[in-house]
Every structure is written in structure tokens, then in C-alpha cells.
């Protein structure tokens, strides 16, 4: 595979960027998202700051709460 010279964002960074963007687009706080996903508010904050590695089960819970497919949390956002 040919390298583009542009470093790929880590999966953790992509999830963080996408979570923040999707959460804000809904006008939700971290607490709102955590409630909808059945997770703790501090956990959502840690994921958004890339301070925690996220399990697939929790990734699915966040995607479901946001009404998106899991893969959308891992895709680079269009500029």
C-alpha cells in the first residue's frame, strides 16, 4: 500500500472527534450522552479527551445513543 505521507489519526482520536461533533450537533452535554448510553459522565469525558481506551461494547452503546452506526464513529470527518 502506498503511503501518502500524511499520518493517519488514531482510532482513539477519531472516536473522540466524532463523539464531540455528534454530541454537540444534538445540543447534548456529556452528561446527556452518558445518560442516553447508560454510561457515566466522566467516562464520556475521558473518551472525548482520549484518556481512556474504549471497549467495543461501549462504542456500540454510544453509537446507539447518537443514532449512528458504529463505523461512523471511526471514520474521518469531512472538512
C-alpha atoms as a PDB file:
ATOM      1  CA  UNK A   1       0.000   0.000   0.000  1.00  0.00           C
ATOM      2  CA  UNK A   2       1.397   3.396  -0.966  1.00  0.00           C
ATOM      3  CA  UNK A   3       1.988   5.911   1.826  1.00  0.00           C
ATOM      4  CA  UNK A   4       0.534   9.391   1.395  1.00  0.00           C
ATOM      5  CA  UNK A   5       2.977  10.939   3.857  1.00  0.00           C
ATOM      6  CA  UNK A   6       0.011  12.121   5.943  1.00  0.00           C
ATOM      7  CA  UNK A   7      -0.127  10.403   9.326  1.00  0.00           C
ATOM      8  CA  UNK A   8      -3.426   8.656   9.959  1.00  0.00           C
ATOM      9  CA  UNK A   9      -5.315   9.666  13.079  1.00  0.00           C
ATOM     10  CA  UNK A  10      -5.500   7.004  15.710  1.00  0.00           C
ATOM     11  CA  UNK A  11      -8.818   5.239  16.214  1.00  0.00           C
ATOM     12  CA  UNK A  12      -8.959   6.806  19.677  1.00  0.00           C
ATOM     13  CA  UNK A  13      -8.594  10.303  18.185  1.00  0.00           C
ATOM     14  CA  UNK A  14     -11.219   9.630  15.501  1.00  0.00           C
ATOM     15  CA  UNK A  15     -13.717   8.400  18.084  1.00  0.00           C
ATOM     16  CA  UNK A  16     -13.076  11.453  20.250  1.00  0.00           C
ATOM     17  CA  UNK A  17     -13.525  13.955  17.412  1.00  0.00           C
ATOM     18  CA  UNK A  18     -16.661  12.227  16.144  1.00  0.00           C
ATOM     19  CA  UNK A  19     -18.219  11.911  19.594  1.00  0.00           C
ATOM     20  CA  UNK A  20     -17.748  15.587  20.329  1.00  0.00           C
ATOM     21  CA  UNK A  21     -19.103  16.654  16.928  1.00  0.00           C
ATOM     22  CA  UNK A  22     -22.138  14.365  17.047  1.00  0.00           C
ATOM     23  CA  UNK A  23     -22.905  15.201  20.667  1.00  0.00           C
ATOM     24  CA  UNK A  24     -22.696  18.940  20.038  1.00  0.00           C
ATOM     25  CA  UNK A  25     -24.799  18.682  16.857  1.00  0.00           C
ATOM     26  CA  UNK A  26     -27.586  17.355  19.059  1.00  0.00           C
ATOM     27  CA  UNK A  27     -27.102  20.056  21.652  1.00  0.00           C
ATOM     28  CA  UNK A  28     -26.203  17.438  24.254  1.00  0.00           C
ATOM     29  CA  UNK A  29     -23.853  17.739  27.197  1.00  0.00           C
ATOM     30  CA  UNK A  30     -21.520  14.909  28.122  1.00  0.00           C
ATOM     31  CA  UNK A  31     -23.994  14.094  30.866  1.00  0.00           C
ATOM     32  CA  UNK A  32     -26.856  13.869  28.337  1.00  0.00           C
ATOM     33  CA  UNK A  33     -24.888  11.479  26.127  1.00  0.00           C
ATOM     34  CA  UNK A  34     -23.806   9.398  29.099  1.00  0.00           C
ATOM     35  CA  UNK A  35     -27.402   9.087  30.276  1.00  0.00           C
ATOM     36  CA  UNK A  36     -28.663   8.055  26.835  1.00  0.00           C
ATOM     37  CA  UNK A  37     -25.871   5.471  26.513  1.00  0.00           C
ATOM     38  CA  UNK A  38     -26.165   4.165  30.068  1.00  0.00           C
ATOM     39  CA  UNK A  39     -22.609   5.209  30.884  1.00  0.00           C
ATOM     40  CA  UNK A  40     -21.041   7.528  33.441  1.00  0.00           C
ATOM     41  CA  UNK A  41     -20.458  11.180  32.536  1.00  0.00           C
ATOM     42  CA  UNK A  42     -16.780  11.034  33.483  1.00  0.00           C
ATOM     43  CA  UNK A  43     -16.297   8.056  31.162  1.00  0.00           C
ATOM     44  CA  UNK A  44     -17.657  10.065  28.216  1.00  0.00           C
ATOM     45  CA  UNK A  45     -15.312  12.927  29.145  1.00  0.00           C
ATOM     46  CA  UNK A  46     -12.342  10.569  29.275  1.00  0.00           C
ATOM     47  CA  UNK A  47     -13.174   9.133  25.850  1.00  0.00           C
ATOM     48  CA  UNK A  48     -13.562  12.624  24.366  1.00  0.00           C
ATOM     49  CA  UNK A  49     -10.168  13.632  25.807  1.00  0.00           C
ATOM     50  CA  UNK A  50      -8.611  10.378  24.576  1.00  0.00           C
ATOM     51  CA  UNK A  51      -7.675   9.486  28.142  1.00  0.00           C
ATOM     52  CA  UNK A  52      -9.445   6.094  28.060  1.00  0.00           C
ATOM     53  CA  UNK A  53      -9.352   3.184  25.707  1.00  0.00           C
ATOM     54  CA  UNK A  54     -12.924   2.266  24.831  1.00  0.00           C
ATOM     55  CA  UNK A  55     -14.318  -1.260  24.659  1.00  0.00           C
ATOM     56  CA  UNK A  56     -16.381  -2.239  21.633  1.00  0.00           C
ATOM     57  CA  UNK A  57     -19.450  -2.738  23.813  1.00  0.00           C
ATOM     58  CA  UNK A  58     -19.257   0.874  25.000  1.00  0.00           C
ATOM     59  CA  UNK A  59     -18.574   2.118  21.476  1.00  0.00           C
ATOM     60  CA  UNK A  60     -21.795   0.381  20.407  1.00  0.00           C
ATOM     61  CA  UNK A  61     -23.710   1.960  23.297  1.00  0.00           C
ATOM     62  CA  UNK A  62     -22.520   5.446  22.332  1.00  0.00           C
ATOM     63  CA  UNK A  63     -23.316   4.896  18.650  1.00  0.00           C
ATOM     64  CA  UNK A  64     -26.803   3.659  19.507  1.00  0.00           C
ATOM     65  CA  UNK A  65     -27.422   6.650  21.782  1.00  0.00           C
ATOM     66  CA  UNK A  66     -26.336   9.003  18.985  1.00  0.00           C
ATOM     67  CA  UNK A  67     -28.379   7.138  16.368  1.00  0.00           C
ATOM     68  CA  UNK A  68     -25.425   6.285  14.145  1.00  0.00           C
ATOM     69  CA  UNK A  69     -23.689   3.103  13.013  1.00  0.00           C
ATOM     70  CA  UNK A  70     -20.538   2.165  14.928  1.00  0.00           C
ATOM     71  CA  UNK A  71     -18.330   2.611  11.871  1.00  0.00           C
ATOM     72  CA  UNK A  72     -19.338   6.288  11.701  1.00  0.00           C
ATOM     73  CA  UNK A  73     -17.520   6.901  14.984  1.00  0.00           C
ATOM     74  CA  UNK A  74     -14.312   5.599  13.367  1.00  0.00           C
ATOM     75  CA  UNK A  75     -14.491   7.435  10.040  1.00  0.00           C
ATOM     76  CA  UNK A  76     -12.532  10.650   9.431  1.00  0.00           C
ATOM     77  CA  UNK A  77     -14.856  13.644   9.377  1.00  0.00           C
ATOM     78  CA  UNK A  78     -15.157  15.563   6.131  1.00  0.00           C
ATOM     79  CA  UNK A  79     -13.795  19.050   6.289  1.00  0.00           C
END
